[in-house]
Amino acid sequence: MNTNFIKNSLRILLGVIMTIAGIGHLTFQREEFLAQVPRWLPTDPAFMDFVVLSSGIVEISLGL
């Protein structure tokens, strides 16, 4: 089998997984991602939500 086909397939799979995880940041897994925000960051709920949302946007961008 051609190595380029395998590499491209795995790149596409990684992009899909990252996009789904990024969407999870913005919707159905927000609470789980909020629990993973490091405690050394400011504990203001609005800031913590901003961290989760912005990292989700970055993850979707990288996935696409």
N, C-alpha and C. Protein backbone atom coordinates (compact mmCIF):
# COMPACT_ATOMS: atom_id res chain seq x y z
N MET A 1 0.84 -1.18 0.00
CA MET A 1 0.00 0.00 0.00
C MET A 1 0.88 1.24 0.00
N ASN A 2 0.41 2.27 -0.62
CA ASN A 2 1.17 3.51 -0.76
C ASN A 2 1.23 4.24 0.59
N THR A 3 2.44 4.65 0.96
CA THR A 3 2.62 5.34 2.24
C THR A 3 1.91 6.69 2.26
N ASN A 4 1.87 7.36 1.12
CA ASN A 4 1.18 8.66 1.07
C ASN A 4 -0.30 8.52 1.37
N PHE A 5 -0.91 7.44 0.93
CA PHE A 5 -2.32 7.20 1.21
C PHE A 5 -2.54 7.04 2.72
N ILE A 6 -1.66 6.29 3.37
CA ILE A 6 -1.77 6.08 4.82
C ILE A 6 -1.58 7.40 5.56
N LYS A 7 -0.54 8.15 5.19
CA LYS A 7 -0.29 9.45 5.84
C LYS A 7 -1.47 10.40 5.67
N ASN A 8 -1.99 10.49 4.46
CA ASN A 8 -3.12 11.39 4.20
C ASN A 8 -4.37 10.94 4.96
N SER A 9 -4.60 9.64 5.02
CA SER A 9 -5.75 9.13 5.76
C SER A 9 -5.64 9.46 7.24
N LEU A 10 -4.45 9.28 7.81
CA LEU A 10 -4.25 9.59 9.22
C LEU A 10 -4.34 11.09 9.49
N ARG A 11 -3.87 11.91 8.57
CA ARG A 11 -4.01 13.37 8.72
C ARG A 11 -5.48 13.78 8.72
N ILE A 12 -6.24 13.18 7.82
CA ILE A 12 -7.68 13.48 7.77
C ILE A 12 -8.36 13.03 9.05
N LEU A 13 -8.01 11.84 9.54
CA LEU A 13 -8.59 11.32 10.78
C LEU A 13 -8.25 12.24 11.95
N LEU A 14 -6.99 12.68 12.04
CA LEU A 14 -6.60 13.60 13.10
C LEU A 14 -7.38 14.91 13.01
N GLY A 15 -7.55 15.43 11.79
CA GLY A 15 -8.32 16.66 11.61
C GLY A 15 -9.76 16.51 12.05
N VAL A 16 -10.36 15.37 11.73
CA VAL A 16 -11.75 15.12 12.14
C VAL A 16 -11.85 15.04 13.66
N ILE A 17 -10.92 14.32 14.28
CA ILE A 17 -10.94 14.18 15.74
C ILE A 17 -10.75 15.54 16.42
N MET A 18 -9.81 16.35 15.91
CA MET A 18 -9.58 17.66 16.51
C MET A 18 -10.79 18.57 16.32
N THR A 19 -11.43 18.49 15.17
CA THR A 19 -12.62 19.31 14.93
C THR A 19 -13.76 18.92 15.86
N ILE A 20 -13.96 17.62 16.04
CA ILE A 20 -15.02 17.16 16.95
C ILE A 20 -14.71 17.59 18.39
N ALA A 21 -13.45 17.47 18.80
CA ALA A 21 -13.07 17.90 20.15
C ALA A 21 -13.26 19.41 20.31
N GLY A 22 -12.92 20.17 19.28
CA GLY A 22 -13.12 21.62 19.34
C GLY A 22 -14.59 21.99 19.44
N ILE A 23 -15.43 21.28 18.71
CA ILE A 23 -16.87 21.52 18.82
C ILE A 23 -17.35 21.16 20.23
N GLY A 24 -16.77 20.12 20.80
CA GLY A 24 -17.09 19.75 22.18
C GLY A 24 -16.75 20.85 23.17
N HIS A 25 -15.64 21.58 22.91
CA HIS A 25 -15.29 22.72 23.75
C HIS A 25 -16.41 23.75 23.77
N LEU A 26 -17.04 23.92 22.62
CA LEU A 26 -18.05 24.98 22.49
C LEU A 26 -19.45 24.53 22.88
N THR A 27 -19.69 23.21 22.97
CA THR A 27 -21.07 22.75 23.18
C THR A 27 -21.17 21.70 24.27
N PHE A 28 -21.24 20.44 23.89
CA PHE A 28 -21.68 19.37 24.77
C PHE A 28 -20.65 18.91 25.80
N GLN A 29 -19.38 19.29 25.70
CA GLN A 29 -18.38 18.87 26.68
C GLN A 29 -17.77 20.04 27.43
N ARG A 30 -18.44 21.17 27.44
CA ARG A 30 -17.85 22.36 28.04
C ARG A 30 -17.52 22.17 29.51
N GLU A 31 -18.39 21.53 30.27
CA GLU A 31 -18.15 21.31 31.70
C GLU A 31 -16.89 20.46 31.93
N GLU A 32 -16.71 19.43 31.10
CA GLU A 32 -15.54 18.57 31.24
C GLU A 32 -14.26 19.34 30.96
N PHE A 33 -14.29 20.20 29.95
CA PHE A 33 -13.11 20.99 29.63
C PHE A 33 -12.88 22.09 30.67
N LEU A 34 -13.94 22.63 31.24
CA LEU A 34 -13.77 23.62 32.32
C LEU A 34 -13.06 23.00 33.51
N ALA A 35 -13.33 21.72 33.78
CA ALA A 35 -12.69 21.04 34.91
C ALA A 35 -11.20 20.83 34.67
N GLN A 36 -10.74 20.94 33.42
CA GLN A 36 -9.34 20.72 33.10
C GLN A 36 -8.52 22.00 33.03
N VAL A 37 -9.17 23.17 33.24
CA VAL A 37 -8.43 24.43 33.23
C VAL A 37 -7.52 24.45 34.45
N PRO A 38 -6.23 24.75 34.27
CA PRO A 38 -5.30 24.73 35.40
C PRO A 38 -5.73 25.69 36.51
N ARG A 39 -5.54 25.27 37.73
CA ARG A 39 -5.96 26.07 38.89
C ARG A 39 -5.08 27.29 39.13
N TRP A 40 -3.89 27.34 38.49
CA TRP A 40 -3.03 28.50 38.69
C TRP A 40 -3.49 29.69 37.84
N LEU A 41 -4.44 29.47 36.93
CA LEU A 41 -5.03 30.58 36.19
C LEU A 41 -6.07 31.28 37.07
N PRO A 42 -6.38 32.53 36.77
CA PRO A 42 -7.43 33.20 37.55
C PRO A 42 -8.74 32.39 37.54
N THR A 43 -9.37 32.31 38.70
CA THR A 43 -10.55 31.44 38.84
C THR A 43 -11.87 32.15 38.53
N ASP A 44 -11.79 33.31 37.92
CA ASP A 44 -13.01 34.00 37.50
C ASP A 44 -13.73 33.12 36.47
N PRO A 45 -15.00 32.78 36.72
CA PRO A 45 -15.73 31.90 35.80
C PRO A 45 -15.76 32.39 34.35
N ALA A 46 -15.87 33.69 34.16
CA ALA A 46 -15.89 34.23 32.80
C ALA A 46 -14.55 34.00 32.10
N PHE A 47 -13.46 34.16 32.84
CA PHE A 47 -12.14 33.93 32.25
C PHE A 47 -11.94 32.46 31.93
N MET A 48 -12.36 31.58 32.84
CA MET A 48 -12.22 30.15 32.60
C MET A 48 -13.03 29.73 31.38
N ASP A 49 -14.22 30.28 31.23
CA ASP A 49 -15.05 29.98 30.07
C ASP A 49 -14.39 30.50 28.79
N PHE A 50 -13.77 31.68 28.88
CA PHE A 50 -13.04 32.23 27.74
C PHE A 50 -11.90 31.30 27.32
N VAL A 51 -11.18 30.74 28.28
CA VAL A 51 -10.08 29.83 27.98
C VAL A 51 -10.60 28.60 27.23
N VAL A 52 -11.70 28.03 27.71
CA VAL A 52 -12.26 26.84 27.07
C VAL A 52 -12.76 27.18 25.67
N LEU A 53 -13.47 28.28 25.51
CA LEU A 53 -14.00 28.65 24.20
C LEU A 53 -12.89 28.97 23.20
N SER A 54 -11.90 29.73 23.65
CA SER A 54 -10.82 30.09 22.72
C SER A 54 -9.98 28.88 22.33
N SER A 55 -9.74 27.97 23.27
CA SER A 55 -8.99 26.77 22.91
C SER A 55 -9.81 25.88 21.97
N GLY A 56 -11.12 25.90 22.10
CA GLY A 56 -11.97 25.16 21.17
C GLY A 56 -11.90 25.73 19.76
N ILE A 57 -11.89 27.05 19.67
CA ILE A 57 -11.78 27.70 18.36
C ILE A 57 -10.43 27.38 17.71
N VAL A 58 -9.37 27.41 18.51
CA VAL A 58 -8.05 27.07 17.98
C VAL A 58 -8.02 25.61 17.52
N GLU A 59 -8.62 24.73 18.30
CA GLU A 59 -8.61 23.31 17.94
C GLU A 59 -9.42 23.05 16.65
N ILE A 60 -10.54 23.72 16.50
CA ILE A 60 -11.32 23.58 15.26
C ILE A 60 -10.50 24.11 14.08
N SER A 61 -9.84 25.24 14.27
CA SER A 61 -9.03 25.81 13.19
C SER A 61 -7.91 24.86 12.77
N LEU A 62 -7.23 24.27 13.74
CA LEU A 62 -6.16 23.33 13.42
C LEU A 62 -6.72 22.05 12.79
N GLY A 63 -7.88 21.63 13.22
CA GLY A 63 -8.49 20.43 12.66
C GLY A 63 -8.91 20.60 11.22
N LEU A 64 -9.36 21.81 10.91
CA LEU A 64 -9.78 22.06 9.52
C LEU A 64 -8.59 22.27 8.63
